[in-house]
Amino acid sequence: MPAAQQEPAAGRPRRGMAEKRQAITRAARTVFARDGFSRASVDAIAAEAGVSKRTIYNHFQDKEELFRSVVIESAGSVTTWHRMMVERHLGKITDLERDLTSFAFDWASPPPEFADHFALVRQIHAEASHLEPAVIEAWQEAGPRPAFRQLAHRLGELAEEGLLDIDDAGVAARHFALLAVSDVSQGSFFGAVKMPETEIDAIVSGGVHAFLRLYGPAGAARRTP
């Protein structure tokens, strides 16, 4: 048989391996989000994925490697969404306060498809002292840090356009999150408790207003000792 006709058959096992790995990571995200790292068992993950424990160990060295892989993949998906929100709301400014408020509201109210991710984040916070530092570092580098870098970059651009007065865009991005988003995240326990939209809107609007008092074009005078 010509070699060209044999290639698809050779490709099928590789595709099957990739699909199996995806099924395992999806199942692991569900189990880790529900049970946490310490209480989650490979048996439970195998049952959720519909595979054997041996199959899981064919793809991952141990539970910690699987957890780290799940955290990185899940955080990466949310970071991609966050980048899209920055571009959607802040890509072209028509009304600075309104656009910042719309962005912050979406940031504070992620879509339901990320429910497992934020349950995973709650588990990371709860078990931080029992997790390897490398796992927490991997999560930070896949999720929070690039999200803040993206926001800082855009805020810096807005400063260059004269819409904001910023000395350190990284610090400004942190202040924005603390003022406009953190109270929602903390108040809802990262999505565990549903907050009324009116309450979210009040927190976000007040936070953005405070941010602009600090970093709006007239904010420099207020920051001068």
N, C-alpha and C. Protein backbone atom coordinates (compact mmCIF):
# COMPACT_ATOMS: atom_id res chain seq x y z
N MET A 1 0.86 -1.20 0.00
CA MET A 1 0.00 0.00 0.00
C MET A 1 0.88 1.24 0.00
N PRO A 2 0.59 2.26 -0.82
CA PRO A 2 1.40 3.47 -0.85
C PRO A 2 1.46 4.13 0.51
N ALA A 3 2.65 4.72 0.79
CA ALA A 3 2.84 5.36 2.10
C ALA A 3 1.82 6.45 2.34
N ALA A 4 1.42 7.18 1.28
CA ALA A 4 0.47 8.28 1.45
C ALA A 4 -0.86 7.79 1.98
N GLN A 5 -1.22 6.53 1.64
CA GLN A 5 -2.49 6.00 2.11
C GLN A 5 -2.40 5.50 3.54
N GLN A 6 -1.17 5.32 4.05
CA GLN A 6 -1.01 4.82 5.41
C GLN A 6 -1.01 5.95 6.44
N GLU A 7 -0.76 7.19 6.01
CA GLU A 7 -0.61 8.29 6.95
C GLU A 7 -1.83 8.55 7.82
N PRO A 8 -3.07 8.55 7.29
CA PRO A 8 -4.23 8.79 8.16
C PRO A 8 -4.33 7.78 9.28
N ALA A 9 -4.03 6.48 8.95
CA ALA A 9 -4.11 5.45 9.98
C ALA A 9 -3.10 5.72 11.08
N ALA A 10 -1.91 6.22 10.67
CA ALA A 10 -0.89 6.52 11.67
C ALA A 10 -1.28 7.70 12.53
N GLY A 11 -2.09 8.60 11.97
CA GLY A 11 -2.48 9.79 12.71
C GLY A 11 -3.58 9.53 13.71
N ARG A 12 -4.40 8.52 13.48
CA ARG A 12 -5.55 8.29 14.35
C ARG A 12 -5.17 8.02 15.80
N PRO A 13 -4.16 7.18 16.06
CA PRO A 13 -3.81 6.96 17.47
C PRO A 13 -3.38 8.24 18.18
N ARG A 14 -2.64 9.10 17.44
CA ARG A 14 -2.21 10.35 18.07
C ARG A 14 -3.40 11.22 18.42
N ARG A 15 -4.37 11.29 17.49
CA ARG A 15 -5.58 12.07 17.78
C ARG A 15 -6.33 11.46 18.94
N GLY A 16 -6.36 10.12 18.97
CA GLY A 16 -7.04 9.44 20.07
C GLY A 16 -6.38 9.72 21.41
N MET A 17 -5.05 9.76 21.41
CA MET A 17 -4.32 10.08 22.64
C MET A 17 -4.64 11.49 23.11
N ALA A 18 -4.68 12.43 22.16
CA ALA A 18 -4.98 13.82 22.52
C ALA A 18 -6.38 13.95 23.07
N GLU A 19 -7.33 13.26 22.44
CA GLU A 19 -8.71 13.32 22.92
C GLU A 19 -8.84 12.69 24.30
N LYS A 20 -8.11 11.60 24.52
CA LYS A 20 -8.15 10.95 25.83
C LYS A 20 -7.57 11.87 26.90
N ARG A 21 -6.48 12.54 26.56
CA ARG A 21 -5.86 13.47 27.51
C ARG A 21 -6.82 14.61 27.84
N GLN A 22 -7.50 15.14 26.83
CA GLN A 22 -8.47 16.21 27.06
C GLN A 22 -9.60 15.74 27.96
N ALA A 23 -10.07 14.50 27.73
CA ALA A 23 -11.14 13.96 28.57
C ALA A 23 -10.67 13.84 30.03
N ILE A 24 -9.42 13.45 30.22
CA ILE A 24 -8.88 13.32 31.57
C ILE A 24 -8.78 14.69 32.25
N THR A 25 -8.27 15.69 31.53
CA THR A 25 -8.12 17.01 32.15
C THR A 25 -9.48 17.65 32.44
N ARG A 26 -10.46 17.43 31.57
CA ARG A 26 -11.81 17.95 31.85
C ARG A 26 -12.37 17.31 33.11
N ALA A 27 -12.23 16.00 33.20
CA ALA A 27 -12.74 15.29 34.38
C ALA A 27 -11.98 15.72 35.63
N ALA A 28 -10.68 15.88 35.51
CA ALA A 28 -9.87 16.29 36.66
C ALA A 28 -10.27 17.69 37.13
N ARG A 29 -10.55 18.59 36.20
CA ARG A 29 -10.97 19.94 36.60
C ARG A 29 -12.26 19.86 37.41
N THR A 30 -13.19 19.04 36.97
CA THR A 30 -14.45 18.88 37.69
C THR A 30 -14.22 18.34 39.10
N VAL A 31 -13.39 17.31 39.21
CA VAL A 31 -13.15 16.67 40.51
C VAL A 31 -12.32 17.57 41.42
N PHE A 32 -11.27 18.18 40.90
CA PHE A 32 -10.46 19.09 41.73
C PHE A 32 -11.28 20.29 42.19
N ALA A 33 -12.13 20.80 41.31
CA ALA A 33 -12.97 21.95 41.68
C ALA A 33 -13.94 21.57 42.79
N ARG A 34 -14.41 20.35 42.77
CA ARG A 34 -15.39 19.89 43.77
C ARG A 34 -14.72 19.47 45.07
N ASP A 35 -13.62 18.73 44.97
CA ASP A 35 -13.03 18.09 46.15
C ASP A 35 -11.73 18.74 46.63
N GLY A 36 -11.13 19.59 45.82
CA GLY A 36 -9.82 20.12 46.17
C GLY A 36 -8.72 19.15 45.80
N PHE A 37 -7.48 19.57 45.96
CA PHE A 37 -6.36 18.71 45.58
C PHE A 37 -6.18 17.55 46.55
N SER A 38 -6.18 17.83 47.83
CA SER A 38 -5.87 16.80 48.82
C SER A 38 -6.89 15.68 48.83
N ARG A 39 -8.18 16.03 48.75
CA ARG A 39 -9.24 15.02 48.88
C ARG A 39 -9.57 14.34 47.56
N ALA A 40 -9.20 14.96 46.44
CA ALA A 40 -9.47 14.34 45.14
C ALA A 40 -8.62 13.08 44.98
N SER A 41 -9.21 12.05 44.43
CA SER A 41 -8.47 10.81 44.20
C SER A 41 -8.38 10.53 42.70
N VAL A 42 -7.32 9.85 42.32
CA VAL A 42 -7.17 9.46 40.92
C VAL A 42 -8.29 8.51 40.52
N ASP A 43 -8.76 7.70 41.48
CA ASP A 43 -9.90 6.81 41.19
C ASP A 43 -11.12 7.62 40.78
N ALA A 44 -11.40 8.70 41.52
CA ALA A 44 -12.56 9.53 41.21
C ALA A 44 -12.40 10.21 39.85
N ILE A 45 -11.20 10.65 39.55
CA ILE A 45 -10.95 11.29 38.25
C ILE A 45 -11.11 10.28 37.12
N ALA A 46 -10.60 9.08 37.33
CA ALA A 46 -10.74 8.04 36.31
C ALA A 46 -12.20 7.72 36.06
N ALA A 47 -12.98 7.63 37.14
CA ALA A 47 -14.41 7.34 37.00
C ALA A 47 -15.12 8.47 36.25
N GLU A 48 -14.77 9.71 36.58
CA GLU A 48 -15.39 10.87 35.91
C GLU A 48 -15.04 10.90 34.42
N ALA A 49 -13.81 10.50 34.10
CA ALA A 49 -13.35 10.53 32.70
C ALA A 49 -13.76 9.28 31.93
N GLY A 50 -14.16 8.23 32.66
CA GLY A 50 -14.51 6.98 31.99
C GLY A 50 -13.29 6.23 31.47
N VAL A 51 -12.18 6.35 32.21
CA VAL A 51 -10.95 5.66 31.82
C VAL A 51 -10.40 4.92 33.03
N SER A 52 -9.35 4.15 32.82
CA SER A 52 -8.72 3.45 33.94
C SER A 52 -7.64 4.33 34.58
N LYS A 53 -7.27 3.98 35.80
CA LYS A 53 -6.17 4.70 36.46
C LYS A 53 -4.89 4.56 35.64
N ARG A 54 -4.68 3.40 35.06
CA ARG A 54 -3.48 3.17 34.26
C ARG A 54 -3.42 4.16 33.10
N THR A 55 -4.58 4.42 32.49
CA THR A 55 -4.62 5.38 31.38
C THR A 55 -4.20 6.77 31.85
N ILE A 56 -4.67 7.16 33.02
CA ILE A 56 -4.27 8.47 33.56
C ILE A 56 -2.77 8.52 33.76
N TYR A 57 -2.19 7.46 34.34
CA TYR A 57 -0.74 7.47 34.60
C TYR A 57 0.07 7.32 33.32
N ASN A 58 -0.56 6.90 32.24
CA ASN A 58 0.11 6.91 30.94
C ASN A 58 0.30 8.34 30.42
N HIS A 59 -0.56 9.24 30.90
CA HIS A 59 -0.52 10.64 30.44
C HIS A 59 0.13 11.57 31.46
N PHE A 60 0.00 11.25 32.73
CA PHE A 60 0.50 12.13 33.79
C PHE A 60 1.28 11.31 34.81
N GLN A 61 2.40 11.86 35.26
CA GLN A 61 3.26 11.13 36.19
C GLN A 61 2.56 10.86 37.51
N ASP A 62 1.85 11.86 38.03
CA ASP A 62 1.18 11.70 39.31
C ASP A 62 0.05 12.72 39.42
N LYS A 63 -0.63 12.71 40.55
CA LYS A 63 -1.77 13.61 40.74
C LYS A 63 -1.33 15.07 40.71
N GLU A 64 -0.16 15.35 41.24
CA GLU A 64 0.31 16.74 41.26
C GLU A 64 0.54 17.27 39.85
N GLU A 65 1.13 16.45 38.99
CA GLU A 65 1.35 16.89 37.60
C GLU A 65 0.01 17.12 36.91
N LEU A 66 -0.96 16.26 37.17
CA LEU A 66 -2.29 16.43 36.59
C LEU A 66 -2.93 17.72 37.10
N PHE A 67 -2.82 17.96 38.38
CA PHE A 67 -3.40 19.18 38.96
C PHE A 67 -2.76 20.42 38.34
N ARG A 68 -1.45 20.41 38.24
CA ARG A 68 -0.74 21.56 37.66
C ARG A 68 -1.18 21.78 36.20
N SER A 69 -1.32 20.70 35.45
CA SER A 69 -1.76 20.81 34.06
C SER A 69 -3.16 21.39 33.97
N VAL A 70 -4.05 20.95 34.84
CA VAL A 70 -5.43 21.46 34.86
C VAL A 70 -5.44 22.94 35.21
N VAL A 71 -4.68 23.32 36.21
CA VAL A 71 -4.63 24.72 36.65
C VAL A 71 -4.13 25.62 35.52
N ILE A 72 -3.06 25.21 34.85
CA ILE A 72 -2.48 26.01 33.78
C ILE A 72 -3.47 26.16 32.62
N GLU A 73 -4.07 25.05 32.22
CA GLU A 73 -5.02 25.10 31.10
C GLU A 73 -6.24 25.94 31.44
N SER A 74 -6.78 25.75 32.63
CA SER A 74 -7.98 26.48 33.04
C SER A 74 -7.70 27.97 33.17
N ALA A 75 -6.59 28.31 33.81
CA ALA A 75 -6.23 29.73 33.96
C ALA A 75 -5.95 30.37 32.61
N GLY A 76 -5.35 29.62 31.70
CA GLY A 76 -5.09 30.15 30.37
C GLY A 76 -6.36 30.51 29.62
N SER A 77 -7.39 29.68 29.78
CA SER A 77 -8.67 29.97 29.12
C SER A 77 -9.29 31.26 29.66
N VAL A 78 -9.22 31.44 30.96
CA VAL A 78 -9.78 32.66 31.56
C VAL A 78 -8.96 33.88 31.17
N THR A 79 -7.65 33.72 31.08
CA THR A 79 -6.79 34.82 30.66
C THR A 79 -7.12 35.25 29.23
N THR A 80 -7.37 34.29 28.36
CA THR A 80 -7.77 34.61 26.98
C THR A 80 -9.06 35.40 26.98
N TRP A 81 -10.02 34.98 27.79
CA TRP A 81 -11.30 35.71 27.90
C TRP A 81 -11.06 37.12 28.44
N HIS A 82 -10.21 37.24 29.45
CA HIS A 82 -9.92 38.55 30.04
C HIS A 82 -9.30 39.48 28.99
N ARG A 83 -8.40 38.94 28.18
CA ARG A 83 -7.78 39.74 27.12
C ARG A 83 -8.84 40.24 26.14
N MET A 84 -9.79 39.39 25.82
CA MET A 84 -10.88 39.79 24.92
C MET A 84 -11.72 40.89 25.55
N MET A 85 -11.94 40.83 26.87
CA MET A 85 -12.71 41.87 27.55
C MET A 85 -11.97 43.21 27.51
N VAL A 86 -10.66 43.18 27.69
CA VAL A 86 -9.87 44.41 27.60
C VAL A 86 -10.02 45.02 26.22
N GLU A 87 -9.89 44.19 25.20
CA GLU A 87 -9.99 44.69 23.82
C GLU A 87 -11.39 45.18 23.50
N ARG A 88 -12.40 44.46 24.00
CA ARG A 88 -13.78 44.84 23.69
C ARG A 88 -14.16 46.17 24.32
N HIS A 89 -13.83 46.34 25.58
CA HIS A 89 -14.29 47.53 26.30
C HIS A 89 -13.30 48.70 26.25
N LEU A 90 -12.02 48.38 26.16
CA LEU A 90 -11.01 49.44 26.25
C LEU A 90 -10.22 49.63 24.96
N GLY A 91 -10.56 48.85 23.95
CA GLY A 91 -9.84 48.96 22.69
C GLY A 91 -10.02 50.31 22.03
N LYS A 92 -11.24 50.81 22.07
CA LYS A 92 -11.54 52.14 21.52
C LYS A 92 -12.41 52.87 22.52
N ILE A 93 -11.88 53.89 23.13
CA ILE A 93 -12.58 54.61 24.19
C ILE A 93 -13.53 55.65 23.60
N THR A 94 -14.78 55.58 24.04
CA THR A 94 -15.75 56.62 23.66
C THR A 94 -16.12 57.47 24.87
N ASP A 95 -16.23 56.83 26.03
CA ASP A 95 -16.48 57.53 27.29
C ASP A 95 -15.67 56.77 28.34
N LEU A 96 -14.60 57.36 28.84
CA LEU A 96 -13.64 56.63 29.67
C LEU A 96 -14.28 55.98 30.88
N GLU A 97 -15.06 56.73 31.66
CA GLU A 97 -15.65 56.16 32.87
C GLU A 97 -16.64 55.05 32.53
N ARG A 98 -17.45 55.27 31.51
CA ARG A 98 -18.42 54.25 31.13
C ARG A 98 -17.72 52.99 30.62
N ASP A 99 -16.68 53.16 29.81
CA ASP A 99 -15.98 52.00 29.25
C ASP A 99 -15.23 51.23 30.34
N LEU A 100 -14.60 51.94 31.26
CA LEU A 100 -13.94 51.27 32.38
C LEU A 100 -14.95 50.53 33.26
N THR A 101 -16.11 51.13 33.46
CA THR A 101 -17.15 50.50 34.28
C THR A 101 -17.68 49.24 33.61
N SER A 102 -17.91 49.30 32.31
CA SER A 102 -18.39 48.12 31.58
C SER A 102 -17.37 46.99 31.65
N PHE A 103 -16.09 47.35 31.48
CA PHE A 103 -15.04 46.34 31.57
C PHE A 103 -14.98 45.72 32.96
N ALA A 104 -15.01 46.56 33.99
CA ALA A 104 -14.91 46.05 35.36
C ALA A 104 -16.11 45.17 35.71
N PHE A 105 -17.30 45.55 35.22
CA PHE A 105 -18.49 44.74 35.51
C PHE A 105 -18.34 43.35 34.90
N ASP A 106 -17.88 43.28 33.65
CA ASP A 106 -17.70 41.97 33.03
C ASP A 106 -16.60 41.17 33.73
N TRP A 107 -15.53 41.85 34.12
CA TRP A 107 -14.44 41.18 34.83
C TRP A 107 -14.95 40.60 36.15
N ALA A 108 -15.79 41.34 36.83
CA ALA A 108 -16.32 40.89 38.12
C ALA A 108 -17.43 39.86 37.98
N SER A 109 -17.95 39.68 36.75
CA SER A 109 -19.08 38.78 36.52
C SER A 109 -18.76 37.81 35.38
N PRO A 110 -17.79 36.92 35.56
CA PRO A 110 -17.40 36.02 34.47
C PRO A 110 -18.53 35.09 34.08
N PRO A 111 -18.53 34.60 32.84
CA PRO A 111 -19.62 33.74 32.37
C PRO A 111 -19.65 32.39 33.09
N PRO A 112 -20.81 31.72 33.09
CA PRO A 112 -20.97 30.45 33.81
C PRO A 112 -20.00 29.37 33.37
N GLU A 113 -19.51 29.44 32.15
CA GLU A 113 -18.60 28.40 31.66
C GLU A 113 -17.31 28.32 32.47
N PHE A 114 -17.01 29.37 33.24
CA PHE A 114 -15.80 29.38 34.05
C PHE A 114 -16.07 29.03 35.51
N ALA A 115 -17.24 28.51 35.81
CA ALA A 115 -17.59 28.19 37.20
C ALA A 115 -16.60 27.20 37.81
N ASP A 116 -16.24 26.15 37.06
CA ASP A 116 -15.28 25.18 37.58
C ASP A 116 -13.92 25.81 37.84
N HIS A 117 -13.53 26.74 36.98
CA HIS A 117 -12.23 27.39 37.18
C HIS A 117 -12.21 28.15 38.50
N PHE A 118 -13.25 28.92 38.77
CA PHE A 118 -13.23 29.72 39.99
C PHE A 118 -13.46 28.87 41.23
N ALA A 119 -14.12 27.72 41.07
CA ALA A 119 -14.17 26.76 42.17
C ALA A 119 -12.76 26.22 42.42
N LEU A 120 -12.01 26.02 41.35
CA LEU A 120 -10.62 25.58 41.47
C LEU A 120 -9.78 26.64 42.18
N VAL A 121 -10.01 27.89 41.85
CA VAL A 121 -9.29 28.99 42.52
C VAL A 121 -9.59 28.99 44.02
N ARG A 122 -10.86 28.77 44.37
CA ARG A 122 -11.21 28.70 45.80
C ARG A 122 -10.45 27.58 46.49
N GLN A 123 -10.32 26.44 45.80
CA GLN A 123 -9.60 25.32 46.39
C GLN A 123 -8.11 25.65 46.54
N ILE A 124 -7.56 26.36 45.57
CA ILE A 124 -6.14 26.76 45.66
C ILE A 124 -5.93 27.65 46.88
N HIS A 125 -6.82 28.62 47.07
CA HIS A 125 -6.69 29.51 48.24
C HIS A 125 -6.82 28.71 49.54
N ALA A 126 -7.75 27.77 49.57
CA ALA A 126 -7.98 27.00 50.79
C ALA A 126 -6.82 26.07 51.11
N GLU A 127 -6.14 25.56 50.08
CA GLU A 127 -5.10 24.56 50.29
C GLU A 127 -3.70 25.09 50.00
N ALA A 128 -3.55 26.39 49.92
CA ALA A 128 -2.26 26.97 49.51
C ALA A 128 -1.09 26.46 50.34
N SER A 129 -1.31 26.29 51.64
CA SER A 129 -0.20 25.86 52.51
C SER A 129 0.18 24.41 52.28
N HIS A 130 -0.68 23.64 51.60
CA HIS A 130 -0.40 22.22 51.36
C HIS A 130 0.04 21.95 49.93
N LEU A 131 0.03 22.97 49.08
CA LEU A 131 0.41 22.80 47.68
C LEU A 131 1.88 23.14 47.49
N GLU A 132 2.50 22.48 46.52
CA GLU A 132 3.87 22.82 46.18
C GLU A 132 3.93 24.25 45.64
N PRO A 133 4.92 25.03 46.05
CA PRO A 133 5.04 26.40 45.54
C PRO A 133 5.05 26.46 44.02
N ALA A 134 5.58 25.43 43.36
CA ALA A 134 5.63 25.42 41.90
C ALA A 134 4.24 25.41 41.29
N VAL A 135 3.29 24.78 41.97
CA VAL A 135 1.91 24.73 41.47
C VAL A 135 1.28 26.12 41.53
N ILE A 136 1.46 26.79 42.65
CA ILE A 136 0.91 28.14 42.80
C ILE A 136 1.58 29.10 41.82
N GLU A 137 2.88 28.95 41.65
CA GLU A 137 3.61 29.79 40.70
C GLU A 137 3.09 29.56 39.27
N ALA A 138 2.83 28.30 38.92
CA ALA A 138 2.31 27.99 37.58
C ALA A 138 0.95 28.63 37.37
N TRP A 139 0.10 28.59 38.39
CA TRP A 139 -1.22 29.23 38.29
C TRP A 139 -1.07 30.74 38.11
N GLN A 140 -0.23 31.36 38.93
CA GLN A 140 -0.03 32.80 38.84
C GLN A 140 0.48 33.20 37.46
N GLU A 141 1.40 32.43 36.92
CA GLU A 141 2.01 32.78 35.63
C GLU A 141 1.07 32.51 34.46
N ALA A 142 0.15 31.57 34.64
CA ALA A 142 -0.80 31.27 33.56
C ALA A 142 -2.02 32.18 33.59
N GLY A 143 -2.37 32.68 34.79
CA GLY A 143 -3.61 33.44 34.91
C GLY A 143 -3.46 34.86 35.37
N PRO A 144 -3.35 35.10 36.68
CA PRO A 144 -3.37 36.48 37.19
C PRO A 144 -2.30 37.39 36.60
N ARG A 145 -1.07 36.93 36.48
CA ARG A 145 0.00 37.83 36.02
C ARG A 145 -0.20 38.31 34.58
N PRO A 146 -0.44 37.41 33.62
CA PRO A 146 -0.65 37.93 32.26
C PRO A 146 -1.88 38.80 32.14
N ALA A 147 -2.91 38.50 32.94
CA ALA A 147 -4.12 39.34 32.91
C ALA A 147 -3.79 40.76 33.37
N PHE A 148 -3.02 40.87 34.44
CA PHE A 148 -2.64 42.20 34.93
C PHE A 148 -1.67 42.89 33.97
N ARG A 149 -0.78 42.11 33.35
CA ARG A 149 0.13 42.73 32.38
C ARG A 149 -0.64 43.31 31.20
N GLN A 150 -1.64 42.58 30.73
CA GLN A 150 -2.45 43.07 29.62
C GLN A 150 -3.19 44.35 30.00
N LEU A 151 -3.79 44.35 31.19
CA LEU A 151 -4.51 45.54 31.64
C LEU A 151 -3.54 46.71 31.84
N ALA A 152 -2.39 46.44 32.44
CA ALA A 152 -1.40 47.50 32.66
C ALA A 152 -0.95 48.10 31.33
N HIS A 153 -0.74 47.25 30.35
CA HIS A 153 -0.32 47.73 29.03
C HIS A 153 -1.36 48.68 28.44
N ARG A 154 -2.63 48.31 28.55
CA ARG A 154 -3.68 49.16 27.97
C ARG A 154 -3.83 50.45 28.76
N LEU A 155 -3.74 50.38 30.08
CA LEU A 155 -3.82 51.60 30.87
C LEU A 155 -2.66 52.53 30.53
N GLY A 156 -1.49 51.95 30.31
CA GLY A 156 -0.35 52.76 29.90
C GLY A 156 -0.59 53.46 28.57
N GLU A 157 -1.23 52.75 27.65
CA GLU A 157 -1.57 53.36 26.36
C GLU A 157 -2.56 54.51 26.54
N LEU A 158 -3.53 54.31 27.42
CA LEU A 158 -4.50 55.38 27.68
C LEU A 158 -3.81 56.60 28.30
N ALA A 159 -2.79 56.34 29.11
CA ALA A 159 -2.03 57.46 29.67
C ALA A 159 -1.29 58.21 28.57
N GLU A 160 -0.72 57.46 27.63
CA GLU A 160 -0.02 58.09 26.51
C GLU A 160 -0.97 58.93 25.65
N GLU A 161 -2.25 58.52 25.62
CA GLU A 161 -3.25 59.27 24.86
C GLU A 161 -3.78 60.47 25.64
N GLY A 162 -3.32 60.62 26.87
CA GLY A 162 -3.74 61.75 27.69
C GLY A 162 -5.04 61.54 28.44
N LEU A 163 -5.56 60.30 28.43
CA LEU A 163 -6.83 60.01 29.10
C LEU A 163 -6.64 59.69 30.57
N LEU A 164 -5.44 59.25 30.94
CA LEU A 164 -5.12 58.95 32.33
C LEU A 164 -3.79 59.59 32.68
N ASP A 165 -3.55 59.76 33.96
CA ASP A 165 -2.27 60.28 34.45
C ASP A 165 -1.65 59.20 35.33
N ILE A 166 -0.71 58.44 34.76
CA ILE A 166 -0.17 57.25 35.42
C ILE A 166 1.36 57.29 35.39
N ASP A 167 1.96 57.05 36.54
CA ASP A 167 3.42 56.92 36.61
C ASP A 167 3.85 55.47 36.44
N ASP A 168 3.12 54.54 37.04
CA ASP A 168 3.44 53.12 36.99
C ASP A 168 2.17 52.37 36.60
N ALA A 169 2.12 51.88 35.37
CA ALA A 169 0.91 51.23 34.87
C ALA A 169 0.60 49.94 35.63
N GLY A 170 1.64 49.23 36.07
CA GLY A 170 1.41 48.01 36.84
C GLY A 170 0.71 48.29 38.16
N VAL A 171 1.17 49.32 38.85
CA VAL A 171 0.53 49.72 40.10
C VAL A 171 -0.89 50.19 39.84
N ALA A 172 -1.10 50.95 38.77
CA ALA A 172 -2.45 51.43 38.44
C ALA A 172 -3.39 50.27 38.16
N ALA A 173 -2.90 49.23 37.47
CA ALA A 173 -3.74 48.06 37.19
C ALA A 173 -4.15 47.37 38.49
N ARG A 174 -3.21 47.27 39.43
CA ARG A 174 -3.53 46.66 40.73
C ARG A 174 -4.56 47.51 41.48
N HIS A 175 -4.38 48.81 41.45
CA HIS A 175 -5.33 49.69 42.12
C HIS A 175 -6.72 49.57 41.49
N PHE A 176 -6.76 49.47 40.16
CA PHE A 176 -8.05 49.32 39.48
C PHE A 176 -8.77 48.06 39.96
N ALA A 177 -8.03 46.95 40.02
CA ALA A 177 -8.64 45.70 40.47
C ALA A 177 -9.11 45.80 41.92
N LEU A 178 -8.29 46.39 42.78
CA LEU A 178 -8.65 46.51 44.19
C LEU A 178 -9.88 47.39 44.38
N LEU A 179 -9.96 48.48 43.64
CA LEU A 179 -11.06 49.42 43.82
C LEU A 179 -12.36 48.95 43.16
N ALA A 180 -12.26 48.33 41.98
CA ALA A 180 -13.45 48.08 41.17
C ALA A 180 -13.90 46.62 41.13
N VAL A 181 -13.01 45.68 41.46
CA VAL A 181 -13.35 44.27 41.26
C VAL A 181 -13.20 43.42 42.52
N SER A 182 -12.20 43.71 43.33
CA SER A 182 -11.87 42.81 44.45
C SER A 182 -13.01 42.62 45.44
N ASP A 183 -13.76 43.68 45.73
CA ASP A 183 -14.86 43.53 46.69
C ASP A 183 -15.93 42.57 46.18
N VAL A 184 -16.11 42.52 44.87
CA VAL A 184 -17.06 41.56 44.30
C VAL A 184 -16.50 40.14 44.43
N SER A 185 -15.22 39.98 44.08
CA SER A 185 -14.60 38.66 44.17
C SER A 185 -14.62 38.14 45.60
N GLN A 186 -14.25 39.00 46.55
CA GLN A 186 -14.23 38.59 47.95
C GLN A 186 -15.64 38.38 48.49
N GLY A 187 -16.55 39.28 48.13
CA GLY A 187 -17.92 39.18 48.63
C GLY A 187 -18.67 37.97 48.12
N SER A 188 -18.31 37.53 46.92
CA SER A 188 -18.97 36.35 46.34
C SER A 188 -18.17 35.08 46.58
N PHE A 189 -17.04 35.21 47.30
CA PHE A 189 -16.14 34.08 47.51
C PHE A 189 -15.77 33.44 46.18
N PHE A 190 -15.32 34.30 45.26
CA PHE A 190 -14.92 33.88 43.92
C PHE A 190 -16.02 33.09 43.22
N GLY A 191 -17.22 33.63 43.30
CA GLY A 191 -18.34 33.05 42.57
C GLY A 191 -19.15 32.02 43.31
N ALA A 192 -18.79 31.70 44.54
CA ALA A 192 -19.54 30.68 45.29
C ALA A 192 -20.91 31.20 45.72
N VAL A 193 -20.99 32.50 46.01
CA VAL A 193 -22.23 33.12 46.46
C VAL A 193 -22.66 34.14 45.41
N LYS A 194 -23.85 33.99 44.91
CA LYS A 194 -24.34 34.90 43.87
C LYS A 194 -24.67 36.26 44.47
N MET A 195 -24.13 37.31 43.86
CA MET A 195 -24.41 38.68 44.31
C MET A 195 -25.40 39.32 43.34
N PRO A 196 -26.34 40.11 43.85
CA PRO A 196 -27.27 40.81 42.96
C PRO A 196 -26.52 41.74 42.02
N GLU A 197 -27.00 41.84 40.79
CA GLU A 197 -26.34 42.71 39.81
C GLU A 197 -26.29 44.15 40.28
N THR A 198 -27.34 44.57 41.00
CA THR A 198 -27.36 45.96 41.48
C THR A 198 -26.22 46.21 42.47
N GLU A 199 -25.91 45.21 43.29
CA GLU A 199 -24.81 45.34 44.24
C GLU A 199 -23.47 45.36 43.52
N ILE A 200 -23.33 44.47 42.54
CA ILE A 200 -22.10 44.45 41.74
C ILE A 200 -21.90 45.79 41.05
N ASP A 201 -22.99 46.30 40.46
CA ASP A 201 -22.91 47.56 39.73
C ASP A 201 -22.50 48.71 40.65
N ALA A 202 -23.04 48.72 41.87
CA ALA A 202 -22.69 49.79 42.82
C ALA A 202 -21.22 49.72 43.21
N ILE A 203 -20.72 48.50 43.46
CA ILE A 203 -19.31 48.34 43.83
C ILE A 203 -18.40 48.76 42.68
N VAL A 204 -18.73 48.27 41.49
CA VAL A 204 -17.91 48.56 40.31
C VAL A 204 -17.92 50.05 39.98
N SER A 205 -19.10 50.64 39.96
CA SER A 205 -19.21 52.07 39.61
C SER A 205 -18.45 52.94 40.60
N GLY A 206 -18.62 52.64 41.89
CA GLY A 206 -17.91 53.40 42.91
C GLY A 206 -16.41 53.23 42.81
N GLY A 207 -15.98 52.00 42.51
CA GLY A 207 -14.56 51.74 42.38
C GLY A 207 -13.93 52.44 41.20
N VAL A 208 -14.62 52.43 40.07
CA VAL A 208 -14.11 53.12 38.88
C VAL A 208 -14.05 54.63 39.13
N HIS A 209 -15.07 55.15 39.78
CA HIS A 209 -15.08 56.59 40.09
C HIS A 209 -13.88 56.95 40.97
N ALA A 210 -13.61 56.11 41.97
CA ALA A 210 -12.46 56.36 42.85
C ALA A 210 -11.15 56.25 42.08
N PHE A 211 -11.07 55.26 41.19
CA PHE A 211 -9.87 55.09 40.37
C PHE A 211 -9.60 56.34 39.53
N LEU A 212 -10.65 56.89 38.94
CA LEU A 212 -10.48 58.07 38.10
C LEU A 212 -10.14 59.31 38.91
N ARG A 213 -10.57 59.35 40.17
CA ARG A 213 -10.16 60.47 41.03
C ARG A 213 -8.65 60.41 41.28
N LEU A 214 -8.11 59.20 41.29
CA LEU A 214 -6.67 59.04 41.48
C LEU A 214 -5.89 59.21 40.18
N TYR A 215 -6.42 58.62 39.11
CA TYR A 215 -5.63 58.52 37.88
C TYR A 215 -6.21 59.25 36.68
N GLY A 216 -7.31 59.96 36.87
CA GLY A 216 -7.79 60.81 35.80
C GLY A 216 -6.79 61.93 35.55
N PRO A 217 -6.92 62.66 34.44
CA PRO A 217 -5.94 63.71 34.13
C PRO A 217 -5.74 64.72 35.25
N ALA A 218 -6.79 64.93 36.07
CA ALA A 218 -6.65 65.89 37.18
C ALA A 218 -6.16 65.22 38.45
N GLY A 219 -5.95 63.89 38.40
CA GLY A 219 -5.56 63.17 39.61
C GLY A 219 -4.14 63.44 40.07
N ALA A 220 -3.29 63.91 39.14
CA ALA A 220 -1.89 64.14 39.51
C ALA A 220 -1.77 65.14 40.65
N ALA A 221 -2.58 66.19 40.61
CA ALA A 221 -2.52 67.21 41.66
C ALA A 221 -2.91 66.62 43.01
N ARG A 222 -3.87 65.68 43.00
CA ARG A 222 -4.30 65.08 44.26
C ARG A 222 -3.24 64.12 44.81
N ARG A 223 -2.40 63.56 43.91
CA ARG A 223 -1.37 62.63 44.37
C ARG A 223 -0.08 63.34 44.78
N THR A 224 0.03 64.64 44.48
CA THR A 224 1.24 65.38 44.81
C THR A 224 1.26 65.71 46.31
N PRO A 225 2.33 65.37 47.02
CA PRO A 225 2.39 65.66 48.47
C PRO A 225 2.30 67.15 48.75
